[in-house]
């Protein structure tokens, strides 16, 4: 499903990444996803900060979301298991 780019610096125990891709939902919506983050290559721990863009009215609420992700990657198999959370800011 990854259509875009994934850049990392190999040879380091930790590094940064930049991922961008477009996905198509089961109901036909197109959503552009972009996130950067950090990875610990020795443990596979990964953190990210995804944002979303879409013109599909059913998913326009995603355009207002700042998410954070935390997970673990298996760099040998290429499998990433990550949990995404919406950051909510409130005025005091």
N, C-alpha and C. Protein backbone atom coordinates (compact mmCIF):
# COMPACT_ATOMS: atom_id res chain seq x y z
N UNK A 1 0.81 -1.20 0.00
CA UNK A 1 0.00 0.00 0.00
C UNK A 1 0.85 1.26 0.00
N UNK A 2 2.12 1.14 0.33
CA UNK A 2 2.97 2.32 0.40
C UNK A 2 3.28 2.82 -1.00
N UNK A 3 2.72 3.98 -1.31
CA UNK A 3 2.96 4.62 -2.60
C UNK A 3 3.57 5.98 -2.29
N UNK A 4 4.81 6.14 -2.48
CA UNK A 4 5.44 7.40 -2.13
C UNK A 4 6.89 7.17 -1.79
N UNK A 5 7.34 7.81 -0.72
CA UNK A 5 8.75 7.72 -0.38
C UNK A 5 8.94 7.40 1.09
N UNK A 6 10.03 6.77 1.38
CA UNK A 6 10.42 6.42 2.74
C UNK A 6 11.93 6.58 2.80
N UNK A 7 12.39 7.58 3.52
CA UNK A 7 13.81 7.88 3.56
C UNK A 7 14.33 7.64 4.98
N UNK A 8 15.44 6.96 5.09
CA UNK A 8 16.06 6.75 6.38
C UNK A 8 17.57 6.71 6.22
N UNK A 9 18.27 6.94 7.30
CA UNK A 9 19.72 6.89 7.28
C UNK A 9 20.16 5.57 7.89
N UNK A 10 20.68 4.68 7.07
CA UNK A 10 21.12 3.37 7.53
C UNK A 10 22.51 3.48 8.18
N UNK A 11 22.83 2.49 8.99
CA UNK A 11 24.13 2.49 9.65
C UNK A 11 24.11 3.19 10.99
N UNK A 12 22.99 3.78 11.35
CA UNK A 12 22.85 4.46 12.63
C UNK A 12 21.95 3.63 13.54
N UNK A 13 22.09 3.81 14.84
CA UNK A 13 21.23 3.10 15.78
C UNK A 13 19.87 3.78 15.90
N UNK A 14 19.79 5.03 15.50
CA UNK A 14 18.53 5.77 15.50
C UNK A 14 18.53 6.68 14.29
N UNK A 15 17.35 7.03 13.84
CA UNK A 15 17.28 7.89 12.67
C UNK A 15 15.91 8.50 12.47
N UNK A 16 15.82 9.33 11.47
CA UNK A 16 14.58 10.01 11.13
C UNK A 16 14.03 9.43 9.83
N UNK A 17 12.72 9.53 9.67
CA UNK A 17 12.11 9.08 8.43
C UNK A 17 11.04 10.05 7.98
N UNK A 18 10.75 10.01 6.70
CA UNK A 18 9.76 10.88 6.06
C UNK A 18 8.95 9.99 5.13
N UNK A 19 7.65 9.84 5.39
CA UNK A 19 6.81 8.93 4.61
C UNK A 19 5.63 9.72 4.05
N UNK A 20 5.32 9.46 2.79
CA UNK A 20 4.18 10.10 2.11
C UNK A 20 3.54 9.08 1.20
N UNK A 21 2.22 8.97 1.28
CA UNK A 21 1.52 8.03 0.40
C UNK A 21 0.06 8.43 0.26
N UNK A 22 -0.56 7.91 -0.75
CA UNK A 22 -1.98 8.12 -1.00
C UNK A 22 -2.67 6.79 -0.82
N UNK A 23 -3.79 6.81 -0.09
CA UNK A 23 -4.54 5.57 0.08
C UNK A 23 -5.96 5.75 -0.43
N UNK A 24 -6.58 4.65 -0.79
CA UNK A 24 -7.96 4.64 -1.23
C UNK A 24 -8.74 3.79 -0.23
N UNK A 25 -9.78 4.38 0.36
CA UNK A 25 -10.58 3.67 1.35
C UNK A 25 -11.50 2.67 0.67
N UNK A 26 -12.09 1.77 1.45
CA UNK A 26 -13.01 0.77 0.90
C UNK A 26 -14.21 1.41 0.21
N UNK A 27 -14.58 2.64 0.64
CA UNK A 27 -15.72 3.31 0.02
C UNK A 27 -15.30 4.32 -1.05
N UNK A 28 -14.04 4.24 -1.50
CA UNK A 28 -13.61 5.01 -2.66
C UNK A 28 -12.99 6.37 -2.40
N UNK A 29 -12.84 6.78 -1.15
CA UNK A 29 -12.23 8.08 -0.85
C UNK A 29 -10.72 8.00 -1.03
N UNK A 30 -10.13 9.09 -1.49
CA UNK A 30 -8.68 9.20 -1.64
C UNK A 30 -8.17 10.09 -0.52
N UNK A 31 -7.17 9.59 0.22
CA UNK A 31 -6.60 10.33 1.35
C UNK A 31 -5.09 10.34 1.22
N UNK A 32 -4.51 11.54 1.28
CA UNK A 32 -3.06 11.70 1.25
C UNK A 32 -2.57 11.71 2.70
N UNK A 33 -1.58 10.90 2.99
CA UNK A 33 -1.03 10.78 4.34
C UNK A 33 0.44 11.15 4.29
N UNK A 34 0.86 11.94 5.28
CA UNK A 34 2.25 12.38 5.34
C UNK A 34 2.69 12.34 6.79
N UNK A 35 3.85 11.75 7.05
CA UNK A 35 4.36 11.79 8.42
C UNK A 35 5.88 11.64 8.45
N UNK A 36 6.43 12.29 9.44
CA UNK A 36 7.83 12.15 9.76
C UNK A 36 7.93 11.57 11.15
N UNK A 37 9.12 11.15 11.51
CA UNK A 37 9.28 10.61 12.84
C UNK A 37 10.69 10.13 13.10
N UNK A 38 10.82 9.38 14.16
CA UNK A 38 12.10 8.84 14.61
C UNK A 38 11.97 7.34 14.84
N UNK A 39 13.06 6.63 14.63
CA UNK A 39 13.10 5.19 14.87
C UNK A 39 14.39 4.83 15.56
N UNK A 40 14.28 3.89 16.49
CA UNK A 40 15.45 3.29 17.13
C UNK A 40 15.68 1.97 16.43
N UNK A 41 16.70 1.89 15.61
CA UNK A 41 16.92 0.71 14.78
C UNK A 41 17.36 -0.51 15.60
N UNK A 42 17.84 -0.31 16.81
CA UNK A 42 18.24 -1.46 17.62
C UNK A 42 17.05 -2.12 18.30
N UNK A 43 16.01 -1.35 18.63
CA UNK A 43 14.83 -1.91 19.30
C UNK A 43 13.61 -1.99 18.39
N UNK A 44 13.63 -1.22 17.30
CA UNK A 44 12.48 -1.17 16.41
C UNK A 44 11.40 -0.20 16.85
N UNK A 45 11.62 0.51 17.96
CA UNK A 45 10.62 1.47 18.44
C UNK A 45 10.54 2.66 17.50
N UNK A 46 9.31 3.07 17.19
CA UNK A 46 9.05 4.10 16.19
C UNK A 46 8.03 5.10 16.74
N UNK A 47 8.28 6.39 16.52
CA UNK A 47 7.29 7.43 16.82
C UNK A 47 7.10 8.26 15.56
N UNK A 48 5.88 8.76 15.35
CA UNK A 48 5.58 9.52 14.13
C UNK A 48 4.54 10.59 14.43
N UNK A 49 4.37 11.50 13.47
CA UNK A 49 3.40 12.59 13.59
C UNK A 49 2.64 12.74 12.27
N UNK A 50 1.62 11.89 12.03
CA UNK A 50 0.89 11.91 10.77
C UNK A 50 -0.08 13.10 10.63
N UNK A 51 -0.23 13.55 9.39
CA UNK A 51 -1.29 14.47 9.00
C UNK A 51 -1.97 13.88 7.77
N UNK A 52 -3.20 14.35 7.52
CA UNK A 52 -4.01 13.80 6.44
C UNK A 52 -4.60 14.94 5.62
N UNK A 53 -4.81 14.66 4.32
CA UNK A 53 -5.45 15.63 3.44
C UNK A 53 -6.39 14.89 2.50
N UNK A 54 -7.61 15.40 2.40
CA UNK A 54 -8.57 14.82 1.47
C UNK A 54 -9.60 15.88 1.08
N UNK A 55 -10.15 15.74 -0.11
CA UNK A 55 -11.24 16.62 -0.53
C UNK A 55 -12.58 15.90 -0.42
N UNK A 56 -12.56 14.63 -0.06
CA UNK A 56 -13.79 13.86 0.09
C UNK A 56 -14.54 14.34 1.34
N UNK A 57 -15.77 14.80 1.15
CA UNK A 57 -16.54 15.39 2.25
C UNK A 57 -16.71 14.44 3.43
N UNK A 58 -16.78 13.15 3.17
CA UNK A 58 -16.99 12.17 4.25
C UNK A 58 -15.80 12.10 5.20
N UNK A 59 -14.63 12.50 4.73
CA UNK A 59 -13.41 12.37 5.53
C UNK A 59 -12.71 13.70 5.78
N UNK A 60 -13.39 14.82 5.51
CA UNK A 60 -12.73 16.11 5.69
C UNK A 60 -12.37 16.40 7.14
N UNK A 61 -12.98 15.73 8.08
CA UNK A 61 -12.59 15.88 9.48
C UNK A 61 -11.13 15.50 9.69
N UNK A 62 -10.60 14.63 8.83
CA UNK A 62 -9.18 14.25 8.93
C UNK A 62 -8.25 15.43 8.65
N UNK A 63 -8.71 16.40 7.84
CA UNK A 63 -7.88 17.55 7.50
C UNK A 63 -7.54 18.39 8.73
N UNK A 64 -8.32 18.26 9.80
CA UNK A 64 -8.11 19.05 11.02
C UNK A 64 -7.32 18.29 12.09
N UNK A 65 -6.94 17.06 11.81
CA UNK A 65 -6.31 16.20 12.81
C UNK A 65 -4.79 16.32 12.79
N UNK A 66 -4.21 16.42 13.97
CA UNK A 66 -2.78 16.16 14.14
C UNK A 66 -2.71 14.88 14.96
N UNK A 67 -2.10 13.88 14.41
CA UNK A 67 -2.00 12.60 15.09
C UNK A 67 -0.57 12.37 15.56
N UNK A 68 -0.43 11.47 16.50
CA UNK A 68 0.89 10.96 16.89
C UNK A 68 0.80 9.44 16.84
N UNK A 69 1.88 8.83 16.46
CA UNK A 69 1.91 7.38 16.37
C UNK A 69 3.06 6.82 17.20
N UNK A 70 2.83 5.64 17.78
CA UNK A 70 3.87 4.94 18.53
C UNK A 70 3.75 3.47 18.19
N UNK A 71 4.88 2.85 17.92
CA UNK A 71 4.81 1.45 17.57
C UNK A 71 6.17 0.80 17.52
N UNK A 72 6.18 -0.38 16.92
CA UNK A 72 7.41 -1.14 16.79
C UNK A 72 7.50 -1.72 15.39
N UNK A 73 8.68 -1.60 14.81
CA UNK A 73 8.93 -2.10 13.46
C UNK A 73 9.86 -3.31 13.53
N UNK A 74 9.60 -4.25 12.64
CA UNK A 74 10.53 -5.35 12.41
C UNK A 74 11.22 -5.02 11.10
N UNK A 75 12.44 -4.54 11.16
CA UNK A 75 13.14 -4.07 9.97
C UNK A 75 13.55 -5.21 9.04
N UNK A 76 13.57 -6.43 9.53
CA UNK A 76 13.88 -7.58 8.67
C UNK A 76 12.70 -7.97 7.81
N UNK A 77 11.47 -7.92 8.37
CA UNK A 77 10.28 -8.31 7.61
C UNK A 77 9.57 -7.12 6.99
N UNK A 78 9.88 -5.91 7.47
CA UNK A 78 9.20 -4.72 6.97
C UNK A 78 7.84 -4.49 7.58
N UNK A 79 7.50 -5.22 8.65
CA UNK A 79 6.20 -5.08 9.30
C UNK A 79 6.29 -4.03 10.40
N UNK A 80 5.34 -3.09 10.39
CA UNK A 80 5.23 -2.06 11.41
C UNK A 80 3.87 -2.18 12.07
N UNK A 81 3.85 -2.31 13.38
CA UNK A 81 2.61 -2.28 14.15
C UNK A 81 2.63 -0.98 14.93
N UNK A 82 1.65 -0.12 14.66
CA UNK A 82 1.65 1.21 15.26
C UNK A 82 0.25 1.58 15.71
N UNK A 83 0.17 2.35 16.78
CA UNK A 83 -1.09 2.88 17.26
C UNK A 83 -1.08 4.38 17.00
N UNK A 84 -2.19 4.89 16.44
CA UNK A 84 -2.30 6.32 16.16
C UNK A 84 -3.28 6.96 17.15
N UNK A 85 -2.95 8.17 17.57
CA UNK A 85 -3.76 8.92 18.52
C UNK A 85 -3.95 10.33 17.99
N UNK A 86 -5.12 10.88 18.18
CA UNK A 86 -5.39 12.27 17.81
C UNK A 86 -4.95 13.18 18.96
N UNK A 87 -4.19 14.22 18.63
CA UNK A 87 -3.81 15.23 19.62
C UNK A 87 -4.93 16.25 19.67
N UNK A 88 -5.46 16.49 20.86
CA UNK A 88 -6.53 17.47 21.01
C UNK A 88 -6.02 18.60 21.90
N UNK A 89 -6.19 19.81 21.39
CA UNK A 89 -5.77 21.00 22.12
C UNK A 89 -7.00 21.74 22.60
N UNK A 90 -7.00 22.13 23.86
CA UNK A 90 -8.13 22.88 24.40
C UNK A 90 -7.64 24.19 24.98
N UNK A 91 -8.48 25.19 24.93
CA UNK A 91 -8.15 26.48 25.51
C UNK A 91 -8.54 26.47 26.99
N UNK A 92 -7.68 27.01 27.82
CA UNK A 92 -8.00 27.08 29.26
C UNK A 92 -8.90 28.24 29.58
